[in-house]
């Protein structure tokens, strides 16, 4: 261990000598950091420079809210895409997104209002209900989102517009599913 320490001190003295600093300072523990240049990892990182000058969307923003910090940001992002690529469907999107926001809040509140033991029991019952029909619907939704991501990456206005219409249908289906779950949750909560 002692030999390694002396070797490191020798290396730091050599580095300090190359950097034009006083080699006697390099022998002081912790002086290597003062001699070596400090480089910000953010400034030199390739992704910190604008990658897409062509106006195409960046791929990291197309994860349907998975990388965005909140559902509200995701909905704002969808509204911006609709305004840019499918303004004729904007009036269709408004009530759907408003319902989505309302249903999410009501589901969260209904879950919060349930006693913990009832909530746990409800989660266990629904974990076992993953039947093939539900899994097929989930796979179809994942396929729709994947096609949406691909359309955004392509930058093709026609393809993006068509994908936005498919996403509108998917959001409507998810709202129906959330409504059914909300009714079920309220019935379960009222029964206990």
N, C-alpha and C. Protein backbone atom coordinates (compact mmCIF):
# COMPACT_ATOMS: atom_id res chain seq x y z
N UNK A 1 0.82 -1.17 0.00
CA UNK A 1 0.00 0.00 0.00
C UNK A 1 0.88 1.25 0.00
N UNK A 2 1.92 1.21 0.80
CA UNK A 2 2.82 2.35 0.90
C UNK A 2 3.54 2.59 -0.42
N UNK A 3 3.88 1.51 -1.11
CA UNK A 3 4.58 1.63 -2.39
C UNK A 3 3.66 2.30 -3.42
N UNK A 4 2.38 1.92 -3.42
CA UNK A 4 1.43 2.51 -4.36
C UNK A 4 1.28 4.00 -4.09
N UNK A 5 1.25 4.37 -2.81
CA UNK A 5 1.14 5.79 -2.45
C UNK A 5 2.31 6.60 -2.97
N UNK A 6 3.54 6.05 -2.81
CA UNK A 6 4.71 6.77 -3.32
C UNK A 6 4.70 6.84 -4.84
N UNK A 7 4.20 5.79 -5.48
CA UNK A 7 4.12 5.80 -6.95
C UNK A 7 3.16 6.89 -7.41
N UNK A 8 2.04 7.01 -6.72
CA UNK A 8 1.07 8.06 -7.08
C UNK A 8 1.65 9.45 -6.87
N UNK A 9 2.41 9.61 -5.79
CA UNK A 9 3.04 10.91 -5.55
C UNK A 9 4.05 11.23 -6.64
N UNK A 10 4.77 10.21 -7.09
CA UNK A 10 5.74 10.41 -8.17
C UNK A 10 5.04 10.78 -9.47
N UNK A 11 3.92 10.13 -9.75
CA UNK A 11 3.16 10.45 -10.97
C UNK A 11 2.61 11.86 -10.89
N UNK A 12 2.07 12.21 -9.72
CA UNK A 12 1.50 13.56 -9.59
C UNK A 12 2.59 14.62 -9.73
N UNK A 13 3.80 14.32 -9.24
CA UNK A 13 4.90 15.28 -9.38
C UNK A 13 5.28 15.40 -10.85
N UNK A 14 5.26 14.29 -11.57
CA UNK A 14 5.59 14.32 -13.00
C UNK A 14 4.53 15.10 -13.77
N UNK A 15 3.26 14.89 -13.43
CA UNK A 15 2.17 15.62 -14.08
C UNK A 15 2.29 17.10 -13.77
N UNK A 16 2.60 17.42 -12.53
CA UNK A 16 2.73 18.82 -12.14
C UNK A 16 3.88 19.46 -12.88
N UNK A 17 4.97 18.72 -13.07
CA UNK A 17 6.11 19.25 -13.80
C UNK A 17 5.76 19.51 -15.25
N UNK A 18 4.95 18.65 -15.85
CA UNK A 18 4.55 18.83 -17.24
C UNK A 18 3.59 20.00 -17.39
N UNK A 19 2.78 20.23 -16.37
CA UNK A 19 1.79 21.30 -16.46
C UNK A 19 2.41 22.66 -16.18
N UNK A 20 3.68 22.71 -15.82
CA UNK A 20 4.34 23.98 -15.57
C UNK A 20 4.17 24.46 -14.14
N UNK A 21 3.65 23.62 -13.28
CA UNK A 21 3.45 24.02 -11.89
C UNK A 21 4.69 23.64 -11.10
N UNK A 22 4.78 24.12 -9.90
CA UNK A 22 5.89 23.83 -9.02
C UNK A 22 5.79 22.38 -8.57
N UNK A 23 6.79 21.53 -8.83
CA UNK A 23 6.71 20.12 -8.44
C UNK A 23 6.61 19.92 -6.93
N UNK A 24 7.06 20.86 -6.14
CA UNK A 24 6.96 20.70 -4.69
C UNK A 24 5.51 20.75 -4.24
N UNK A 25 4.65 21.45 -4.97
CA UNK A 25 3.23 21.49 -4.63
C UNK A 25 2.57 20.15 -4.90
N UNK A 26 3.06 19.43 -5.90
CA UNK A 26 2.46 18.15 -6.27
C UNK A 26 2.64 17.11 -5.19
N UNK A 27 3.64 17.27 -4.33
CA UNK A 27 3.87 16.29 -3.28
C UNK A 27 2.87 16.43 -2.15
N UNK A 28 2.13 17.53 -2.11
CA UNK A 28 1.13 17.73 -1.08
C UNK A 28 -0.11 16.92 -1.46
N UNK A 29 -0.63 16.12 -0.52
CA UNK A 29 -1.82 15.33 -0.85
C UNK A 29 -2.96 16.23 -1.32
N UNK A 30 -3.61 15.78 -2.37
CA UNK A 30 -4.75 16.52 -2.90
C UNK A 30 -4.36 17.58 -3.91
N UNK A 31 -3.06 17.73 -4.19
CA UNK A 31 -2.64 18.79 -5.10
C UNK A 31 -2.83 18.40 -6.56
N UNK A 32 -3.07 17.14 -6.85
CA UNK A 32 -3.25 16.70 -8.23
C UNK A 32 -4.45 17.41 -8.84
N UNK A 33 -5.50 17.60 -8.06
CA UNK A 33 -6.70 18.25 -8.57
C UNK A 33 -6.42 19.70 -8.95
N UNK A 34 -5.48 20.34 -8.26
CA UNK A 34 -5.16 21.73 -8.58
C UNK A 34 -4.33 21.82 -9.85
N UNK A 35 -3.58 20.76 -10.16
CA UNK A 35 -2.69 20.80 -11.30
C UNK A 35 -3.43 20.38 -12.57
N UNK A 36 -4.28 19.39 -12.47
CA UNK A 36 -4.98 18.91 -13.65
C UNK A 36 -6.06 19.89 -14.06
N UNK A 37 -6.22 20.09 -15.34
CA UNK A 37 -7.25 21.04 -15.77
C UNK A 37 -8.64 20.49 -15.47
N UNK A 38 -9.51 21.37 -15.05
CA UNK A 38 -10.88 20.99 -14.75
C UNK A 38 -11.71 21.23 -16.01
N UNK A 39 -12.35 20.18 -16.47
CA UNK A 39 -13.15 20.28 -17.68
C UNK A 39 -14.58 19.92 -17.31
N UNK A 40 -15.50 20.75 -17.69
CA UNK A 40 -16.91 20.49 -17.41
C UNK A 40 -17.40 19.38 -18.33
N UNK A 41 -17.97 18.31 -17.78
CA UNK A 41 -18.46 17.24 -18.63
C UNK A 41 -19.65 17.68 -19.48
N UNK A 42 -20.37 18.69 -19.04
CA UNK A 42 -21.54 19.15 -19.79
C UNK A 42 -21.12 19.91 -21.04
N UNK A 43 -20.10 20.77 -20.91
CA UNK A 43 -19.68 21.59 -22.05
C UNK A 43 -19.11 20.75 -23.18
N UNK A 44 -18.38 19.70 -22.83
CA UNK A 44 -17.73 18.89 -23.85
C UNK A 44 -18.56 17.70 -24.29
N UNK A 45 -19.69 17.49 -23.67
CA UNK A 45 -20.51 16.33 -24.01
C UNK A 45 -21.13 16.55 -25.38
N UNK A 46 -21.06 15.55 -26.27
CA UNK A 46 -21.58 15.75 -27.63
C UNK A 46 -23.07 16.08 -27.68
N UNK A 47 -23.84 15.60 -26.72
CA UNK A 47 -25.27 15.85 -26.75
C UNK A 47 -25.64 17.24 -26.27
N UNK A 48 -24.68 17.96 -25.68
CA UNK A 48 -25.00 19.31 -25.23
C UNK A 48 -25.03 20.29 -26.40
N UNK A 49 -24.46 19.88 -27.52
CA UNK A 49 -24.50 20.71 -28.71
C UNK A 49 -25.79 20.41 -29.47
N UNK A 50 -26.37 21.38 -30.13
CA UNK A 50 -27.61 21.12 -30.89
C UNK A 50 -27.35 20.08 -31.97
N UNK A 51 -28.07 18.97 -31.88
CA UNK A 51 -27.85 17.88 -32.83
C UNK A 51 -28.73 18.01 -34.06
N UNK A 52 -29.92 18.50 -33.86
CA UNK A 52 -30.89 18.50 -34.95
C UNK A 52 -31.17 19.92 -35.40
N UNK A 53 -30.42 20.38 -36.35
CA UNK A 53 -30.62 21.71 -36.88
C UNK A 53 -31.72 21.73 -37.94
N UNK A 54 -32.15 20.55 -38.39
CA UNK A 54 -33.11 20.48 -39.48
C UNK A 54 -34.54 20.72 -39.03
N UNK A 55 -34.78 20.85 -37.74
CA UNK A 55 -36.13 21.08 -37.25
C UNK A 55 -36.86 19.80 -36.90
N UNK A 56 -36.21 18.67 -37.07
CA UNK A 56 -36.85 17.41 -36.70
C UNK A 56 -36.91 17.31 -35.18
N UNK A 57 -37.85 16.53 -34.72
CA UNK A 57 -37.97 16.34 -33.28
C UNK A 57 -36.86 15.44 -32.78
N UNK A 58 -36.45 15.66 -31.55
CA UNK A 58 -35.42 14.83 -30.96
C UNK A 58 -36.04 13.56 -30.43
N UNK A 59 -35.40 12.40 -30.63
CA UNK A 59 -36.00 11.12 -30.23
C UNK A 59 -36.31 10.99 -28.75
N UNK A 60 -35.55 11.64 -27.87
CA UNK A 60 -35.78 11.45 -26.44
C UNK A 60 -37.09 12.06 -25.99
N UNK A 61 -37.72 12.86 -26.81
CA UNK A 61 -38.99 13.47 -26.42
C UNK A 61 -40.18 12.63 -26.86
N UNK A 62 -39.94 11.51 -27.49
CA UNK A 62 -41.03 10.72 -28.07
C UNK A 62 -41.32 9.46 -27.27
N UNK A 63 -41.27 9.54 -26.01
CA UNK A 63 -41.47 8.36 -25.20
C UNK A 63 -42.83 8.36 -24.53
N UNK A 64 -43.72 9.16 -25.01
CA UNK A 64 -45.09 9.20 -24.52
C UNK A 64 -45.16 9.39 -23.02
N UNK A 65 -44.40 10.32 -22.56
CA UNK A 65 -44.46 10.67 -21.16
C UNK A 65 -43.55 9.87 -20.26
N UNK A 66 -42.95 8.81 -20.80
CA UNK A 66 -42.11 7.98 -19.94
C UNK A 66 -40.87 8.73 -19.50
N UNK A 67 -40.35 9.63 -20.33
CA UNK A 67 -39.19 10.40 -19.93
C UNK A 67 -39.55 11.83 -19.54
N UNK A 68 -40.75 12.23 -19.81
CA UNK A 68 -41.17 13.55 -19.40
C UNK A 68 -41.56 13.48 -17.94
N UNK A 69 -41.45 14.60 -17.25
CA UNK A 69 -41.60 14.56 -15.80
C UNK A 69 -43.03 14.48 -15.32
N UNK A 70 -44.00 14.79 -16.16
CA UNK A 70 -45.38 14.69 -15.69
C UNK A 70 -46.33 14.49 -16.85
N UNK A 71 -47.52 14.04 -16.52
CA UNK A 71 -48.54 13.84 -17.53
C UNK A 71 -48.93 15.17 -18.16
N UNK A 72 -48.90 16.23 -17.39
CA UNK A 72 -49.25 17.55 -17.92
C UNK A 72 -48.27 17.98 -19.01
N UNK A 73 -46.99 17.71 -18.82
CA UNK A 73 -46.01 18.04 -19.84
C UNK A 73 -46.24 17.21 -21.10
N UNK A 74 -46.59 15.95 -20.91
CA UNK A 74 -46.86 15.07 -22.05
C UNK A 74 -48.06 15.59 -22.84
N UNK A 75 -49.10 15.98 -22.13
CA UNK A 75 -50.29 16.50 -22.80
C UNK A 75 -49.98 17.80 -23.53
N UNK A 76 -49.16 18.64 -22.95
CA UNK A 76 -48.74 19.88 -23.62
C UNK A 76 -47.96 19.54 -24.89
N UNK A 77 -47.11 18.56 -24.80
CA UNK A 77 -46.33 18.11 -25.96
C UNK A 77 -47.26 17.60 -27.06
N UNK A 78 -48.25 16.79 -26.68
CA UNK A 78 -49.21 16.30 -27.67
C UNK A 78 -49.96 17.45 -28.33
N UNK A 79 -50.37 18.43 -27.53
CA UNK A 79 -51.09 19.59 -28.08
C UNK A 79 -50.22 20.33 -29.09
N UNK A 80 -48.94 20.47 -28.79
CA UNK A 80 -48.04 21.15 -29.72
C UNK A 80 -47.90 20.36 -31.02
N UNK A 81 -47.80 19.05 -30.90
CA UNK A 81 -47.72 18.22 -32.11
C UNK A 81 -49.00 18.32 -32.93
N UNK A 82 -50.14 18.29 -32.25
CA UNK A 82 -51.42 18.40 -32.94
C UNK A 82 -51.51 19.75 -33.65
N UNK A 83 -51.15 20.82 -32.97
CA UNK A 83 -51.20 22.15 -33.58
C UNK A 83 -50.31 22.24 -34.82
N UNK A 84 -49.18 21.56 -34.78
CA UNK A 84 -48.24 21.64 -35.90
C UNK A 84 -48.60 20.70 -37.05
N UNK A 85 -48.99 19.45 -36.73
CA UNK A 85 -49.15 18.44 -37.77
C UNK A 85 -50.60 18.08 -38.10
N UNK A 86 -51.52 18.31 -37.20
CA UNK A 86 -52.92 17.94 -37.45
C UNK A 86 -53.87 18.94 -36.81
N UNK A 87 -53.78 20.21 -37.21
CA UNK A 87 -54.62 21.22 -36.57
C UNK A 87 -56.12 20.98 -36.75
N UNK A 88 -56.49 20.23 -37.79
CA UNK A 88 -57.90 19.93 -38.01
C UNK A 88 -58.48 19.03 -36.92
N UNK A 89 -57.63 18.34 -36.17
CA UNK A 89 -58.11 17.45 -35.10
C UNK A 89 -58.00 18.08 -33.71
N UNK A 90 -57.58 19.33 -33.64
CA UNK A 90 -57.36 19.98 -32.34
C UNK A 90 -58.63 20.00 -31.50
N UNK A 91 -59.78 20.24 -32.14
CA UNK A 91 -61.04 20.27 -31.38
C UNK A 91 -61.41 18.89 -30.85
N UNK A 92 -60.97 17.83 -31.52
CA UNK A 92 -61.22 16.47 -31.04
C UNK A 92 -60.32 16.14 -29.85
N UNK A 93 -59.09 16.66 -29.87
CA UNK A 93 -58.13 16.36 -28.81
C UNK A 93 -58.48 17.05 -27.50
N UNK A 94 -58.99 18.26 -27.55
CA UNK A 94 -59.24 19.04 -26.32
C UNK A 94 -60.07 18.29 -25.28
N UNK A 95 -61.27 17.77 -25.63
CA UNK A 95 -62.05 17.06 -24.60
C UNK A 95 -61.39 15.76 -24.15
N UNK A 96 -60.69 15.10 -25.07
CA UNK A 96 -60.04 13.83 -24.72
C UNK A 96 -58.94 14.08 -23.69
N UNK A 97 -58.11 15.07 -23.93
CA UNK A 97 -57.03 15.37 -22.98
C UNK A 97 -57.57 15.91 -21.66
N UNK A 98 -58.64 16.69 -21.73
CA UNK A 98 -59.27 17.19 -20.50
C UNK A 98 -59.82 16.02 -19.68
N UNK A 99 -60.47 15.05 -20.35
CA UNK A 99 -60.98 13.87 -19.65
C UNK A 99 -59.84 13.04 -19.07
N UNK A 100 -58.76 12.92 -19.82
CA UNK A 100 -57.61 12.16 -19.34
C UNK A 100 -57.08 12.76 -18.04
N UNK A 101 -56.93 14.06 -18.02
CA UNK A 101 -56.44 14.75 -16.82
C UNK A 101 -57.40 14.54 -15.65
N UNK A 102 -58.68 14.70 -15.91
CA UNK A 102 -59.69 14.54 -14.86
C UNK A 102 -59.70 13.10 -14.34
N UNK A 103 -59.69 12.13 -15.25
CA UNK A 103 -59.75 10.73 -14.83
C UNK A 103 -58.52 10.33 -14.03
N UNK A 104 -57.35 10.78 -14.45
CA UNK A 104 -56.13 10.47 -13.68
C UNK A 104 -56.23 11.00 -12.26
N UNK A 105 -56.69 12.23 -12.13
CA UNK A 105 -56.82 12.84 -10.80
C UNK A 105 -57.85 12.09 -9.96
N UNK A 106 -58.98 11.73 -10.57
CA UNK A 106 -60.02 11.01 -9.82
C UNK A 106 -59.57 9.61 -9.44
N UNK A 107 -58.84 8.93 -10.33
CA UNK A 107 -58.31 7.60 -9.99
C UNK A 107 -57.32 7.69 -8.83
N UNK A 108 -56.45 8.68 -8.90
CA UNK A 108 -55.46 8.87 -7.83
C UNK A 108 -56.17 9.13 -6.50
N UNK A 109 -57.20 9.97 -6.53
CA UNK A 109 -57.93 10.31 -5.32
C UNK A 109 -58.71 9.10 -4.80
N UNK A 110 -59.33 8.34 -5.69
CA UNK A 110 -60.09 7.15 -5.27
C UNK A 110 -59.16 6.13 -4.62
N UNK A 111 -57.99 5.95 -5.17
CA UNK A 111 -57.02 5.03 -4.57
C UNK A 111 -56.57 5.54 -3.21
N UNK A 112 -56.35 6.83 -3.12
CA UNK A 112 -55.90 7.43 -1.86
C UNK A 112 -56.96 7.30 -0.78
N UNK A 113 -58.24 7.40 -1.16
CA UNK A 113 -59.33 7.35 -0.19
C UNK A 113 -59.62 5.94 0.33
N UNK A 114 -59.14 4.93 -0.37
CA UNK A 114 -59.39 3.55 0.06
C UNK A 114 -58.52 3.21 1.27
N UNK A 115 -59.04 2.41 2.18
CA UNK A 115 -58.19 1.93 3.28
C UNK A 115 -57.03 1.09 2.71
N UNK A 116 -55.87 1.14 3.32
CA UNK A 116 -54.70 0.44 2.78
C UNK A 116 -54.92 -1.06 2.54
N UNK A 117 -55.62 -1.74 3.45
CA UNK A 117 -55.82 -3.18 3.26
C UNK A 117 -56.74 -3.46 2.08
N UNK A 118 -57.75 -2.63 1.87
CA UNK A 118 -58.66 -2.79 0.73
C UNK A 118 -57.91 -2.48 -0.57
N UNK A 119 -57.09 -1.46 -0.55
CA UNK A 119 -56.29 -1.09 -1.73
C UNK A 119 -55.36 -2.23 -2.11
N UNK A 120 -54.70 -2.82 -1.12
CA UNK A 120 -53.79 -3.94 -1.38
C UNK A 120 -54.55 -5.12 -1.96
N UNK A 121 -55.71 -5.42 -1.39
CA UNK A 121 -56.54 -6.52 -1.89
C UNK A 121 -56.97 -6.25 -3.33
N UNK A 122 -57.34 -5.02 -3.63
CA UNK A 122 -57.77 -4.66 -4.98
C UNK A 122 -56.62 -4.84 -5.97
N UNK A 123 -55.41 -4.42 -5.60
CA UNK A 123 -54.24 -4.58 -6.47
C UNK A 123 -53.96 -6.06 -6.73
N UNK A 124 -54.06 -6.88 -5.70
CA UNK A 124 -53.80 -8.31 -5.86
C UNK A 124 -54.83 -8.96 -6.78
N UNK A 125 -56.10 -8.58 -6.65
CA UNK A 125 -57.14 -9.13 -7.51
C UNK A 125 -56.90 -8.75 -8.97
N UNK A 126 -56.49 -7.52 -9.21
CA UNK A 126 -56.32 -7.07 -10.58
C UNK A 126 -55.01 -7.53 -11.20
N UNK A 127 -54.05 -7.86 -10.39
CA UNK A 127 -52.81 -8.42 -10.93
C UNK A 127 -53.08 -9.80 -11.52
N UNK A 128 -54.02 -10.52 -10.92
CA UNK A 128 -54.36 -11.86 -11.40
C UNK A 128 -55.28 -11.82 -12.62
N UNK A 129 -55.89 -10.66 -12.92
CA UNK A 129 -56.85 -10.54 -14.02
C UNK A 129 -56.20 -10.24 -15.37
N UNK A 130 -54.95 -10.48 -15.53
CA UNK A 130 -54.29 -10.17 -16.79
C UNK A 130 -54.55 -11.28 -17.79
N UNK A 131 -55.73 -11.25 -18.38
CA UNK A 131 -56.14 -12.27 -19.34
C UNK A 131 -55.59 -11.97 -20.73
N UNK A 132 -55.66 -12.95 -21.63
CA UNK A 132 -55.12 -12.76 -22.99
C UNK A 132 -55.75 -11.60 -23.75
N UNK A 133 -57.05 -11.36 -23.55
CA UNK A 133 -57.71 -10.26 -24.25
C UNK A 133 -57.11 -8.91 -23.81
N UNK A 134 -56.89 -8.76 -22.51
CA UNK A 134 -56.30 -7.53 -22.00
C UNK A 134 -54.87 -7.37 -22.52
N UNK A 135 -54.13 -8.47 -22.54
CA UNK A 135 -52.75 -8.41 -23.03
C UNK A 135 -52.70 -8.06 -24.51
N UNK A 136 -53.69 -8.53 -25.29
CA UNK A 136 -53.76 -8.18 -26.71
C UNK A 136 -54.02 -6.69 -26.89
N UNK A 137 -54.91 -6.14 -26.06
CA UNK A 137 -55.18 -4.70 -26.12
C UNK A 137 -53.93 -3.90 -25.76
N UNK A 138 -53.22 -4.38 -24.77
CA UNK A 138 -52.01 -3.69 -24.34
C UNK A 138 -50.93 -3.75 -25.43
N UNK A 139 -50.82 -4.89 -26.10
CA UNK A 139 -49.86 -5.03 -27.19
C UNK A 139 -50.22 -4.10 -28.35
N UNK A 140 -51.51 -3.99 -28.65
CA UNK A 140 -51.97 -3.09 -29.72
C UNK A 140 -51.64 -1.64 -29.37
N UNK A 141 -51.84 -1.26 -28.11
CA UNK A 141 -51.51 0.11 -27.67
C UNK A 141 -50.01 0.36 -27.80
N UNK A 142 -49.21 -0.61 -27.42
CA UNK A 142 -47.75 -0.47 -27.52
C UNK A 142 -47.34 -0.34 -28.99
N UNK A 143 -48.00 -1.08 -29.86
CA UNK A 143 -47.71 -1.00 -31.29
C UNK A 143 -48.07 0.38 -31.84
N UNK A 144 -49.20 0.92 -31.40
CA UNK A 144 -49.62 2.26 -31.83
C UNK A 144 -48.61 3.31 -31.37
N UNK A 145 -48.16 3.21 -30.12
CA UNK A 145 -47.17 4.17 -29.62
C UNK A 145 -45.84 4.03 -30.35
N UNK A 146 -45.46 2.81 -30.67
CA UNK A 146 -44.22 2.58 -31.41
C UNK A 146 -44.31 3.17 -32.82
N UNK A 147 -45.45 3.01 -33.47
CA UNK A 147 -45.64 3.60 -34.80
C UNK A 147 -45.62 5.12 -34.72
N UNK A 148 -46.16 5.66 -33.65
CA UNK A 148 -46.15 7.10 -33.42
C UNK A 148 -44.72 7.60 -33.27
N UNK A 149 -43.93 6.90 -32.48
CA UNK A 149 -42.51 7.25 -32.31
C UNK A 149 -41.78 7.22 -33.65
N UNK A 150 -42.02 6.16 -34.43
CA UNK A 150 -41.36 6.03 -35.73
C UNK A 150 -41.76 7.17 -36.67
N UNK A 151 -43.03 7.54 -36.65
CA UNK A 151 -43.49 8.64 -37.49
C UNK A 151 -42.81 9.95 -37.09
N UNK A 152 -42.69 10.19 -35.80
CA UNK A 152 -42.03 11.41 -35.34
C UNK A 152 -40.56 11.43 -35.74
N UNK A 153 -39.91 10.29 -35.63
CA UNK A 153 -38.50 10.22 -36.01
C UNK A 153 -38.33 10.45 -37.52
N UNK A 154 -39.30 10.00 -38.31
CA UNK A 154 -39.19 10.15 -39.76
C UNK A 154 -39.33 11.60 -40.19
N UNK A 155 -40.13 12.38 -39.44
CA UNK A 155 -40.33 13.78 -39.79
C UNK A 155 -41.34 13.98 -40.91
N UNK A 156 -41.95 12.91 -41.39
CA UNK A 156 -42.94 12.99 -42.47
C UNK A 156 -44.27 13.52 -41.93
N UNK A 157 -44.70 14.67 -42.42
CA UNK A 157 -45.92 15.32 -41.92
C UNK A 157 -47.15 14.44 -42.08
N UNK A 158 -47.29 13.77 -43.21
CA UNK A 158 -48.47 12.93 -43.46
C UNK A 158 -48.49 11.76 -42.49
N UNK A 159 -47.35 11.14 -42.31
CA UNK A 159 -47.24 10.00 -41.40
C UNK A 159 -47.50 10.44 -39.95
N UNK A 160 -46.99 11.57 -39.56
CA UNK A 160 -47.21 12.07 -38.19
C UNK A 160 -48.68 12.39 -37.98
N UNK A 161 -49.30 13.01 -38.97
CA UNK A 161 -50.72 13.35 -38.87
C UNK A 161 -51.57 12.08 -38.71
N UNK A 162 -51.27 11.05 -39.50
CA UNK A 162 -52.00 9.78 -39.40
C UNK A 162 -51.77 9.14 -38.04
N UNK A 163 -50.54 9.20 -37.56
CA UNK A 163 -50.23 8.61 -36.25
C UNK A 163 -50.93 9.36 -35.12
N UNK A 164 -51.06 10.67 -35.27
CA UNK A 164 -51.78 11.45 -34.25
C UNK A 164 -53.25 11.04 -34.20
N UNK A 165 -53.85 10.74 -35.36
CA UNK A 165 -55.24 10.27 -35.36
C UNK A 165 -55.36 8.92 -34.65
N UNK A 166 -54.38 8.04 -34.88
CA UNK A 166 -54.37 6.75 -34.18
C UNK A 166 -54.18 6.95 -32.68
N UNK A 167 -53.31 7.88 -32.31
CA UNK A 167 -53.09 8.16 -30.89
C UNK A 167 -54.34 8.74 -30.24
N UNK A 168 -55.11 9.51 -30.99
CA UNK A 168 -56.37 10.05 -30.48
C UNK A 168 -57.32 8.91 -30.14
N UNK A 169 -57.41 7.92 -31.03
CA UNK A 169 -58.26 6.76 -30.76
C UNK A 169 -57.76 6.00 -29.54
N UNK A 170 -56.44 5.85 -29.44
CA UNK A 170 -55.86 5.16 -28.29
C UNK A 170 -56.17 5.90 -26.99
N UNK A 171 -56.04 7.22 -27.00
CA UNK A 171 -56.35 8.01 -25.80
C UNK A 171 -57.82 7.87 -25.41
N UNK A 172 -58.70 7.83 -26.40
CA UNK A 172 -60.13 7.62 -26.11
C UNK A 172 -60.35 6.26 -25.46
N UNK A 173 -59.70 5.23 -25.99
CA UNK A 173 -59.83 3.89 -25.40
C UNK A 173 -59.29 3.86 -23.98
N UNK A 174 -58.17 4.51 -23.76
CA UNK A 174 -57.60 4.54 -22.42
C UNK A 174 -58.51 5.30 -21.45
N UNK A 175 -59.17 6.34 -21.93
CA UNK A 175 -60.13 7.06 -21.09
C UNK A 175 -61.30 6.17 -20.71
N UNK A 176 -61.78 5.36 -21.67
CA UNK A 176 -62.86 4.42 -21.37
C UNK A 176 -62.41 3.42 -20.31
N UNK A 177 -61.19 2.92 -20.46
CA UNK A 177 -60.65 1.97 -19.49
C UNK A 177 -60.53 2.62 -18.11
N UNK A 178 -60.03 3.86 -18.07
CA UNK A 178 -59.90 4.55 -16.78
C UNK A 178 -61.26 4.81 -16.16
N UNK A 179 -62.27 5.13 -16.97
CA UNK A 179 -63.62 5.34 -16.45
C UNK A 179 -64.16 4.07 -15.81
N UNK A 180 -63.96 2.93 -16.50
CA UNK A 180 -64.42 1.65 -15.96
C UNK A 180 -63.69 1.33 -14.65
N UNK A 181 -62.39 1.57 -14.61
CA UNK A 181 -61.63 1.32 -13.38
C UNK A 181 -62.08 2.24 -12.25
N UNK A 182 -62.39 3.46 -12.58
CA UNK A 182 -62.84 4.42 -11.57
C UNK A 182 -64.17 3.97 -10.95
N UNK A 183 -65.09 3.53 -11.79
CA UNK A 183 -66.38 3.03 -11.28
C UNK A 183 -66.15 1.83 -10.39
N UNK A 184 -65.29 0.93 -10.83
CA UNK A 184 -64.97 -0.27 -10.06
C UNK A 184 -64.32 0.10 -8.72
N UNK A 185 -63.40 1.04 -8.75
CA UNK A 185 -62.73 1.48 -7.51
C UNK A 185 -63.72 2.09 -6.53
N UNK A 186 -64.60 2.92 -7.04
CA UNK A 186 -65.58 3.56 -6.17
C UNK A 186 -66.53 2.54 -5.56
N UNK A 187 -66.91 1.53 -6.33
CA UNK A 187 -67.78 0.48 -5.79
C UNK A 187 -67.05 -0.32 -4.73
N UNK A 188 -65.79 -0.63 -4.98
CA UNK A 188 -64.99 -1.38 -4.01
C UNK A 188 -64.79 -0.55 -2.74
N UNK A 189 -64.50 0.72 -2.90
CA UNK A 189 -64.29 1.60 -1.74
C UNK A 189 -65.56 1.81 -0.95
N UNK A 190 -66.71 1.88 -1.62
CA UNK A 190 -67.99 2.09 -0.94
C UNK A 190 -68.44 0.83 -0.22
N UNK A 191 -68.02 -0.34 -0.73
CA UNK A 191 -68.42 -1.60 -0.10
C UNK A 191 -67.70 -1.83 1.22
N UNK A 192 -66.57 -1.18 1.42
CA UNK A 192 -65.81 -1.41 2.66
C UNK A 192 -65.84 -0.23 3.55
